[in-house]
Amino acid sequence: MYTKIVFVAESGTCREPMAVAIFNQIGCRYPMETAARGLVVLFPEPLNQKAEAVMISNGLPTEGYMSSPLTKEDLEGDTLILTMERRQREKVLEKFEEADPGNVYVLTEFVGDELEIVNPYGGTLQMYGLCYETLLTSIHKLAAILNEGK
């Protein structure tokens, strides 16, 4: 059983914090720590403005968020690492030799969806909204899987 979930993508400023906020809003039967991390974070950055707008319009908290990089400490214990894309999963496993491949998944593959969570960066506000809706669907499935105790 996992005690922590880390959502991972490139910058840590869009999909990752949206995923954490959605998961925390849905909740899980078991106590679960959550975190958002980026693979390429040179310095802390606030939320992407369009991601923030979508989160606010959906009643998700945004205050005080700053991006942070994935570290080897994030991989310790019973931690589930969920990336948004397959290439990010591969990067995690390449960069962190200590990562257990059995605990690192693409979010959509973990929940049985076919498509990855597309990065809306540079797109319209509507594209960010679509990203949110896709995350919402996958994270509902994630919560159901975790609530079954798997």
N, C-alpha and C. Protein backbone atom coordinates (compact mmCIF):
# COMPACT_ATOMS: atom_id res chain seq x y z
N MET A 1 0.83 -1.18 0.00
CA MET A 1 0.00 0.00 0.00
C MET A 1 0.88 1.25 0.00
N TYR A 2 0.51 2.20 -0.81
CA TYR A 2 1.28 3.44 -0.91
C TYR A 2 0.88 4.41 0.20
N THR A 3 1.86 5.19 0.65
CA THR A 3 1.59 6.23 1.64
C THR A 3 1.80 7.62 1.06
N LYS A 4 2.37 7.67 -0.15
CA LYS A 4 2.65 8.96 -0.79
C LYS A 4 2.53 8.80 -2.30
N ILE A 5 2.00 9.86 -2.95
CA ILE A 5 1.94 9.91 -4.40
C ILE A 5 2.66 11.17 -4.84
N VAL A 6 3.55 11.01 -5.82
CA VAL A 6 4.23 12.17 -6.40
C VAL A 6 3.85 12.22 -7.88
N PHE A 7 3.21 13.32 -8.27
CA PHE A 7 2.86 13.54 -9.67
C PHE A 7 4.01 14.29 -10.32
N VAL A 8 4.49 13.77 -11.47
CA VAL A 8 5.69 14.30 -12.10
C VAL A 8 5.45 14.60 -13.57
N ALA A 9 5.97 15.75 -14.01
CA ALA A 9 6.04 16.08 -15.44
C ALA A 9 7.29 16.94 -15.65
N GLU A 10 7.26 17.84 -16.59
CA GLU A 10 8.47 18.58 -16.93
C GLU A 10 8.82 19.69 -15.93
N SER A 11 7.96 20.72 -15.83
CA SER A 11 8.33 21.92 -15.09
C SER A 11 7.78 22.01 -13.67
N GLY A 12 6.77 21.20 -13.38
CA GLY A 12 6.16 21.27 -12.06
C GLY A 12 5.24 22.46 -11.87
N THR A 13 4.81 23.11 -12.95
CA THR A 13 4.00 24.33 -12.82
C THR A 13 2.59 24.21 -13.39
N CYS A 14 2.20 23.05 -13.91
CA CYS A 14 0.90 22.95 -14.56
C CYS A 14 0.17 21.65 -14.21
N ARG A 15 0.47 20.59 -14.93
CA ARG A 15 -0.27 19.34 -14.75
C ARG A 15 -0.06 18.75 -13.36
N GLU A 16 1.15 18.84 -12.85
CA GLU A 16 1.47 18.23 -11.57
C GLU A 16 0.67 18.86 -10.42
N PRO A 17 0.70 20.21 -10.26
CA PRO A 17 -0.09 20.78 -9.17
C PRO A 17 -1.60 20.62 -9.38
N MET A 18 -2.04 20.60 -10.64
CA MET A 18 -3.47 20.33 -10.88
C MET A 18 -3.82 18.94 -10.39
N ALA A 19 -2.96 17.96 -10.69
CA ALA A 19 -3.21 16.58 -10.28
C ALA A 19 -3.26 16.46 -8.76
N VAL A 20 -2.34 17.10 -8.07
CA VAL A 20 -2.31 17.06 -6.60
C VAL A 20 -3.60 17.66 -6.05
N ALA A 21 -3.98 18.82 -6.54
CA ALA A 21 -5.16 19.50 -6.03
C ALA A 21 -6.43 18.67 -6.29
N ILE A 22 -6.53 18.08 -7.47
CA ILE A 22 -7.69 17.24 -7.78
C ILE A 22 -7.72 16.03 -6.86
N PHE A 23 -6.57 15.35 -6.72
CA PHE A 23 -6.52 14.16 -5.86
C PHE A 23 -6.90 14.52 -4.42
N ASN A 24 -6.35 15.62 -3.92
CA ASN A 24 -6.64 16.02 -2.55
C ASN A 24 -8.12 16.38 -2.38
N GLN A 25 -8.73 16.95 -3.42
CA GLN A 25 -10.15 17.30 -3.35
C GLN A 25 -11.03 16.03 -3.36
N ILE A 26 -10.67 15.07 -4.19
CA ILE A 26 -11.43 13.82 -4.26
C ILE A 26 -11.25 13.02 -2.98
N GLY A 27 -10.02 12.94 -2.52
CA GLY A 27 -9.72 12.23 -1.29
C GLY A 27 -9.52 10.74 -1.50
N CYS A 28 -8.99 10.13 -0.49
CA CYS A 28 -8.70 8.71 -0.50
C CYS A 28 -9.05 8.16 0.88
N ARG A 29 -9.48 6.93 0.92
CA ARG A 29 -9.86 6.29 2.17
C ARG A 29 -8.67 6.19 3.14
N TYR A 30 -7.48 6.06 2.58
CA TYR A 30 -6.27 5.90 3.39
C TYR A 30 -5.49 7.21 3.42
N PRO A 31 -4.80 7.50 4.53
CA PRO A 31 -3.98 8.71 4.58
C PRO A 31 -2.92 8.67 3.46
N MET A 32 -2.85 9.73 2.71
CA MET A 32 -1.96 9.75 1.55
C MET A 32 -1.32 11.14 1.42
N GLU A 33 -0.02 11.18 1.49
CA GLU A 33 0.70 12.42 1.24
C GLU A 33 0.80 12.60 -0.27
N THR A 34 0.71 13.84 -0.75
CA THR A 34 0.82 14.10 -2.18
C THR A 34 1.84 15.19 -2.44
N ALA A 35 2.46 15.13 -3.62
CA ALA A 35 3.43 16.15 -4.01
C ALA A 35 3.44 16.30 -5.52
N ALA A 36 3.80 17.49 -5.97
CA ALA A 36 3.97 17.79 -7.39
C ALA A 36 5.44 18.09 -7.61
N ARG A 37 6.04 17.45 -8.61
CA ARG A 37 7.46 17.65 -8.89
C ARG A 37 7.69 17.77 -10.39
N GLY A 38 8.75 18.51 -10.73
CA GLY A 38 9.15 18.65 -12.11
C GLY A 38 10.48 17.97 -12.35
N LEU A 39 10.69 17.55 -13.58
CA LEU A 39 11.97 16.94 -13.95
C LEU A 39 13.01 17.99 -14.31
N VAL A 40 12.54 19.16 -14.77
CA VAL A 40 13.45 20.24 -15.16
C VAL A 40 13.03 21.50 -14.41
N VAL A 41 13.50 21.62 -13.18
CA VAL A 41 13.20 22.79 -12.35
C VAL A 41 14.53 23.39 -11.93
N LEU A 42 14.92 24.48 -12.58
CA LEU A 42 16.19 25.13 -12.27
C LEU A 42 16.06 26.06 -11.07
N PHE A 43 14.86 26.61 -10.88
CA PHE A 43 14.56 27.46 -9.74
C PHE A 43 13.05 27.40 -9.52
N PRO A 44 12.58 27.66 -8.30
CA PRO A 44 11.14 27.58 -8.03
C PRO A 44 10.36 28.60 -8.86
N GLU A 45 9.24 28.13 -9.42
CA GLU A 45 8.37 29.01 -10.20
C GLU A 45 6.94 28.85 -9.70
N PRO A 46 6.13 29.91 -9.83
CA PRO A 46 4.71 29.80 -9.45
C PRO A 46 3.94 29.00 -10.49
N LEU A 47 2.69 28.76 -10.22
CA LEU A 47 1.81 28.08 -11.17
C LEU A 47 1.77 28.81 -12.51
N ASN A 48 1.63 28.06 -13.56
CA ASN A 48 1.35 28.62 -14.87
C ASN A 48 0.03 29.40 -14.72
N GLN A 49 -0.04 30.60 -15.30
CA GLN A 49 -1.21 31.46 -15.11
C GLN A 49 -2.51 30.84 -15.63
N LYS A 50 -2.43 30.14 -16.75
CA LYS A 50 -3.64 29.52 -17.29
C LYS A 50 -4.06 28.31 -16.45
N ALA A 51 -3.09 27.55 -15.97
CA ALA A 51 -3.41 26.44 -15.07
C ALA A 51 -4.04 26.97 -13.79
N GLU A 52 -3.50 28.06 -13.29
CA GLU A 52 -4.04 28.68 -12.08
C GLU A 52 -5.49 29.12 -12.31
N ALA A 53 -5.77 29.73 -13.45
CA ALA A 53 -7.13 30.18 -13.76
C ALA A 53 -8.10 29.00 -13.80
N VAL A 54 -7.68 27.91 -14.41
CA VAL A 54 -8.53 26.71 -14.48
C VAL A 54 -8.75 26.14 -13.09
N MET A 55 -7.71 26.09 -12.29
CA MET A 55 -7.83 25.56 -10.94
C MET A 55 -8.79 26.41 -10.10
N ILE A 56 -8.63 27.73 -10.18
CA ILE A 56 -9.51 28.63 -9.41
C ILE A 56 -10.96 28.45 -9.85
N SER A 57 -11.18 28.37 -11.17
CA SER A 57 -12.56 28.24 -11.67
C SER A 57 -13.19 26.91 -11.26
N ASN A 58 -12.37 25.94 -10.87
CA ASN A 58 -12.88 24.64 -10.42
C ASN A 58 -12.78 24.47 -8.90
N GLY A 59 -12.52 25.57 -8.21
CA GLY A 59 -12.52 25.55 -6.75
C GLY A 59 -11.33 24.87 -6.12
N LEU A 60 -10.21 24.80 -6.84
CA LEU A 60 -9.01 24.15 -6.31
C LEU A 60 -8.05 25.19 -5.72
N PRO A 61 -7.37 24.85 -4.64
CA PRO A 61 -6.44 25.80 -4.02
C PRO A 61 -5.19 26.04 -4.88
N THR A 62 -4.73 27.28 -4.88
CA THR A 62 -3.54 27.63 -5.68
C THR A 62 -2.53 28.46 -4.88
N GLU A 63 -2.93 28.98 -3.77
CA GLU A 63 -2.13 29.95 -3.04
C GLU A 63 -0.79 29.40 -2.58
N GLY A 64 0.26 30.16 -2.85
CA GLY A 64 1.58 29.85 -2.34
C GLY A 64 2.32 28.73 -3.04
N TYR A 65 1.79 28.20 -4.13
CA TYR A 65 2.46 27.08 -4.80
C TYR A 65 3.72 27.56 -5.51
N MET A 66 4.79 26.79 -5.37
CA MET A 66 6.04 27.00 -6.11
C MET A 66 6.54 25.62 -6.54
N SER A 67 7.04 25.55 -7.76
CA SER A 67 7.52 24.27 -8.29
C SER A 67 8.77 23.82 -7.56
N SER A 68 8.99 22.51 -7.57
CA SER A 68 10.22 21.96 -7.01
C SER A 68 10.59 20.70 -7.79
N PRO A 69 11.89 20.39 -7.83
CA PRO A 69 12.35 19.25 -8.62
C PRO A 69 12.14 17.92 -7.90
N LEU A 70 12.02 16.88 -8.70
CA LEU A 70 11.99 15.52 -8.16
C LEU A 70 13.36 15.21 -7.60
N THR A 71 13.39 14.65 -6.38
CA THR A 71 14.66 14.28 -5.75
C THR A 71 14.62 12.82 -5.34
N LYS A 72 15.75 12.28 -5.01
CA LYS A 72 15.79 10.87 -4.61
C LYS A 72 14.99 10.64 -3.33
N GLU A 73 14.87 11.66 -2.48
CA GLU A 73 14.06 11.54 -1.26
C GLU A 73 12.58 11.31 -1.61
N ASP A 74 12.14 11.84 -2.75
CA ASP A 74 10.75 11.65 -3.18
C ASP A 74 10.45 10.20 -3.52
N LEU A 75 11.48 9.41 -3.77
CA LEU A 75 11.31 8.02 -4.18
C LEU A 75 11.34 7.05 -3.02
N GLU A 76 11.61 7.56 -1.82
CA GLU A 76 11.78 6.67 -0.66
C GLU A 76 10.45 6.17 -0.11
N GLY A 77 10.48 5.02 0.52
CA GLY A 77 9.31 4.46 1.18
C GLY A 77 8.29 3.92 0.19
N ASP A 78 7.07 3.89 0.64
CA ASP A 78 5.97 3.37 -0.18
C ASP A 78 5.39 4.49 -1.03
N THR A 79 6.19 4.97 -1.98
CA THR A 79 5.81 6.11 -2.80
C THR A 79 5.46 5.66 -4.21
N LEU A 80 4.33 6.15 -4.69
CA LEU A 80 3.88 5.91 -6.07
C LEU A 80 4.24 7.15 -6.87
N ILE A 81 5.05 6.96 -7.90
CA ILE A 81 5.43 8.06 -8.79
C ILE A 81 4.58 7.94 -10.05
N LEU A 82 3.83 9.00 -10.35
CA LEU A 82 2.96 9.00 -11.52
C LEU A 82 3.35 10.14 -12.46
N THR A 83 3.84 9.77 -13.63
CA THR A 83 4.21 10.76 -14.63
C THR A 83 3.03 11.01 -15.56
N MET A 84 3.12 12.09 -16.32
CA MET A 84 2.05 12.43 -17.25
C MET A 84 2.27 11.81 -18.63
N GLU A 85 3.53 11.49 -18.94
CA GLU A 85 3.88 10.93 -20.24
C GLU A 85 4.90 9.81 -20.07
N ARG A 86 4.93 8.90 -21.03
CA ARG A 86 5.84 7.76 -21.00
C ARG A 86 7.31 8.21 -20.96
N ARG A 87 7.66 9.21 -21.74
CA ARG A 87 9.06 9.64 -21.76
C ARG A 87 9.50 10.20 -20.41
N GLN A 88 8.57 10.74 -19.65
CA GLN A 88 8.90 11.23 -18.30
C GLN A 88 9.16 10.05 -17.37
N ARG A 89 8.40 8.98 -17.51
CA ARG A 89 8.66 7.78 -16.72
C ARG A 89 10.07 7.27 -17.01
N GLU A 90 10.41 7.23 -18.29
CA GLU A 90 11.74 6.77 -18.68
C GLU A 90 12.83 7.67 -18.11
N LYS A 91 12.60 8.98 -18.09
CA LYS A 91 13.58 9.92 -17.52
C LYS A 91 13.76 9.68 -16.03
N VAL A 92 12.67 9.44 -15.32
CA VAL A 92 12.76 9.17 -13.88
C VAL A 92 13.62 7.94 -13.64
N LEU A 93 13.36 6.87 -14.40
CA LEU A 93 14.12 5.63 -14.20
C LEU A 93 15.58 5.78 -14.62
N GLU A 94 15.86 6.62 -15.61
CA GLU A 94 17.25 6.85 -16.02
C GLU A 94 17.99 7.70 -15.00
N LYS A 95 17.34 8.75 -14.53
CA LYS A 95 17.99 9.71 -13.64
C LYS A 95 18.18 9.17 -12.22
N PHE A 96 17.25 8.32 -11.79
CA PHE A 96 17.28 7.80 -10.42
C PHE A 96 17.39 6.29 -10.45
N GLU A 97 18.63 5.80 -10.37
CA GLU A 97 18.87 4.36 -10.43
C GLU A 97 18.19 3.63 -9.28
N GLU A 98 18.00 4.32 -8.15
CA GLU A 98 17.39 3.69 -6.99
C GLU A 98 15.87 3.57 -7.11
N ALA A 99 15.29 4.17 -8.15
CA ALA A 99 13.83 4.10 -8.34
C ALA A 99 13.39 2.68 -8.65
N ASP A 100 12.36 2.23 -7.97
CA ASP A 100 11.78 0.91 -8.22
C ASP A 100 10.83 1.04 -9.40
N PRO A 101 11.13 0.39 -10.54
CA PRO A 101 10.25 0.50 -11.71
C PRO A 101 8.81 0.07 -11.42
N GLY A 102 8.63 -0.75 -10.40
CA GLY A 102 7.30 -1.18 -10.02
C GLY A 102 6.50 -0.13 -9.27
N ASN A 103 7.13 1.01 -8.96
CA ASN A 103 6.45 2.12 -8.29
C ASN A 103 6.40 3.36 -9.16
N VAL A 104 6.86 3.26 -10.41
CA VAL A 104 6.88 4.42 -11.31
C VAL A 104 6.02 4.10 -12.53
N TYR A 105 4.95 4.86 -12.71
CA TYR A 105 3.99 4.60 -13.78
C TYR A 105 3.61 5.89 -14.50
N VAL A 106 3.09 5.73 -15.70
CA VAL A 106 2.39 6.82 -16.36
C VAL A 106 0.98 6.80 -15.77
N LEU A 107 0.50 7.94 -15.32
CA LEU A 107 -0.80 8.01 -14.65
C LEU A 107 -1.90 7.29 -15.43
N THR A 108 -2.01 7.59 -16.71
CA THR A 108 -3.10 7.02 -17.49
C THR A 108 -2.96 5.51 -17.66
N GLU A 109 -1.74 5.01 -17.77
CA GLU A 109 -1.55 3.55 -17.86
C GLU A 109 -1.91 2.89 -16.54
N PHE A 110 -1.56 3.53 -15.42
CA PHE A 110 -1.86 2.97 -14.10
C PHE A 110 -3.36 2.78 -13.91
N VAL A 111 -4.16 3.71 -14.44
CA VAL A 111 -5.61 3.65 -14.23
C VAL A 111 -6.35 2.98 -15.39
N GLY A 112 -5.61 2.55 -16.43
CA GLY A 112 -6.23 1.84 -17.53
C GLY A 112 -6.72 2.70 -18.67
N ASP A 113 -6.29 3.96 -18.73
CA ASP A 113 -6.63 4.83 -19.85
C ASP A 113 -5.59 4.67 -20.95
N GLU A 114 -5.95 5.03 -22.16
CA GLU A 114 -5.03 4.83 -23.28
C GLU A 114 -4.11 6.01 -23.55
N LEU A 115 -4.63 7.22 -23.51
CA LEU A 115 -3.86 8.40 -23.90
C LEU A 115 -3.12 9.00 -22.71
N GLU A 116 -2.02 9.68 -22.99
CA GLU A 116 -1.27 10.38 -21.96
C GLU A 116 -1.96 11.71 -21.66
N ILE A 117 -1.56 12.36 -20.57
CA ILE A 117 -2.07 13.68 -20.23
C ILE A 117 -1.23 14.69 -21.02
N VAL A 118 -1.83 15.26 -22.05
CA VAL A 118 -1.12 16.15 -22.96
C VAL A 118 -0.77 17.47 -22.28
N ASN A 119 0.43 17.94 -22.53
CA ASN A 119 0.90 19.20 -21.97
C ASN A 119 0.23 20.36 -22.71
N PRO A 120 -0.55 21.19 -22.01
CA PRO A 120 -1.22 22.31 -22.68
C PRO A 120 -0.35 23.54 -22.84
N TYR A 121 0.90 23.49 -22.38
CA TYR A 121 1.77 24.67 -22.37
C TYR A 121 1.76 25.40 -23.71
N GLY A 122 1.52 26.69 -23.65
CA GLY A 122 1.51 27.52 -24.85
C GLY A 122 0.17 27.51 -25.57
N GLY A 123 -0.76 26.71 -25.09
CA GLY A 123 -2.06 26.61 -25.73
C GLY A 123 -3.06 27.61 -25.16
N THR A 124 -4.29 27.47 -25.60
CA THR A 124 -5.37 28.34 -25.16
C THR A 124 -5.85 27.94 -23.77
N LEU A 125 -6.60 28.82 -23.17
CA LEU A 125 -7.20 28.52 -21.87
C LEU A 125 -8.09 27.28 -21.99
N GLN A 126 -8.75 27.13 -23.12
CA GLN A 126 -9.60 25.96 -23.36
C GLN A 126 -8.77 24.67 -23.32
N MET A 127 -7.54 24.70 -23.84
CA MET A 127 -6.67 23.52 -23.81
C MET A 127 -6.30 23.16 -22.36
N TYR A 128 -6.09 24.18 -21.54
CA TYR A 128 -5.80 23.92 -20.12
C TYR A 128 -7.03 23.33 -19.43
N GLY A 129 -8.20 23.80 -19.82
CA GLY A 129 -9.43 23.24 -19.28
C GLY A 129 -9.61 21.78 -19.67
N LEU A 130 -9.28 21.46 -20.91
CA LEU A 130 -9.35 20.07 -21.38
C LEU A 130 -8.35 19.20 -20.62
N CYS A 131 -7.17 19.73 -20.37
CA CYS A 131 -6.16 19.01 -19.57
C CYS A 131 -6.72 18.72 -18.17
N TYR A 132 -7.36 19.72 -17.57
CA TYR A 132 -7.97 19.54 -16.25
C TYR A 132 -9.02 18.42 -16.30
N GLU A 133 -9.88 18.44 -17.30
CA GLU A 133 -10.94 17.44 -17.41
C GLU A 133 -10.35 16.03 -17.56
N THR A 134 -9.29 15.91 -18.35
CA THR A 134 -8.63 14.62 -18.54
C THR A 134 -8.02 14.14 -17.22
N LEU A 135 -7.35 15.06 -16.52
CA LEU A 135 -6.79 14.72 -15.21
C LEU A 135 -7.88 14.30 -14.23
N LEU A 136 -8.98 15.03 -14.23
CA LEU A 136 -10.08 14.73 -13.32
C LEU A 136 -10.59 13.30 -13.52
N THR A 137 -10.78 12.91 -14.78
CA THR A 137 -11.24 11.56 -15.09
C THR A 137 -10.25 10.51 -14.60
N SER A 138 -8.97 10.70 -14.93
CA SER A 138 -7.95 9.72 -14.53
C SER A 138 -7.78 9.65 -13.02
N ILE A 139 -7.87 10.79 -12.35
CA ILE A 139 -7.63 10.80 -10.91
C ILE A 139 -8.83 10.22 -10.15
N HIS A 140 -10.02 10.35 -10.69
CA HIS A 140 -11.16 9.64 -10.09
C HIS A 140 -10.90 8.13 -10.12
N LYS A 141 -10.39 7.64 -11.26
CA LYS A 141 -10.07 6.22 -11.38
C LYS A 141 -8.93 5.84 -10.42
N LEU A 142 -7.94 6.72 -10.30
CA LEU A 142 -6.82 6.47 -9.38
C LEU A 142 -7.33 6.33 -7.95
N ALA A 143 -8.17 7.24 -7.52
CA ALA A 143 -8.71 7.18 -6.16
C ALA A 143 -9.48 5.89 -5.93
N ALA A 144 -10.26 5.47 -6.93
CA ALA A 144 -11.02 4.21 -6.80
C ALA A 144 -10.07 3.03 -6.66
N ILE A 145 -8.99 2.99 -7.44
CA ILE A 145 -8.02 1.91 -7.36
C ILE A 145 -7.35 1.89 -5.97
N LEU A 146 -6.93 3.05 -5.51
CA LEU A 146 -6.27 3.13 -4.20
C LEU A 146 -7.22 2.80 -3.07
N ASN A 147 -8.49 3.18 -3.20
CA ASN A 147 -9.47 2.87 -2.17
C ASN A 147 -9.76 1.39 -2.07
N GLU A 148 -9.49 0.65 -3.16
CA GLU A 148 -9.63 -0.81 -3.13
C GLU A 148 -8.47 -1.47 -2.40
N GLY A 149 -7.45 -0.65 -2.09
CA GLY A 149 -6.31 -1.16 -1.34
C GLY A 149 -5.26 -1.85 -2.17
N LYS A 150 -5.21 -1.55 -3.47
CA LYS A 150 -4.24 -2.19 -4.36
C LYS A 150 -2.95 -1.40 -4.40
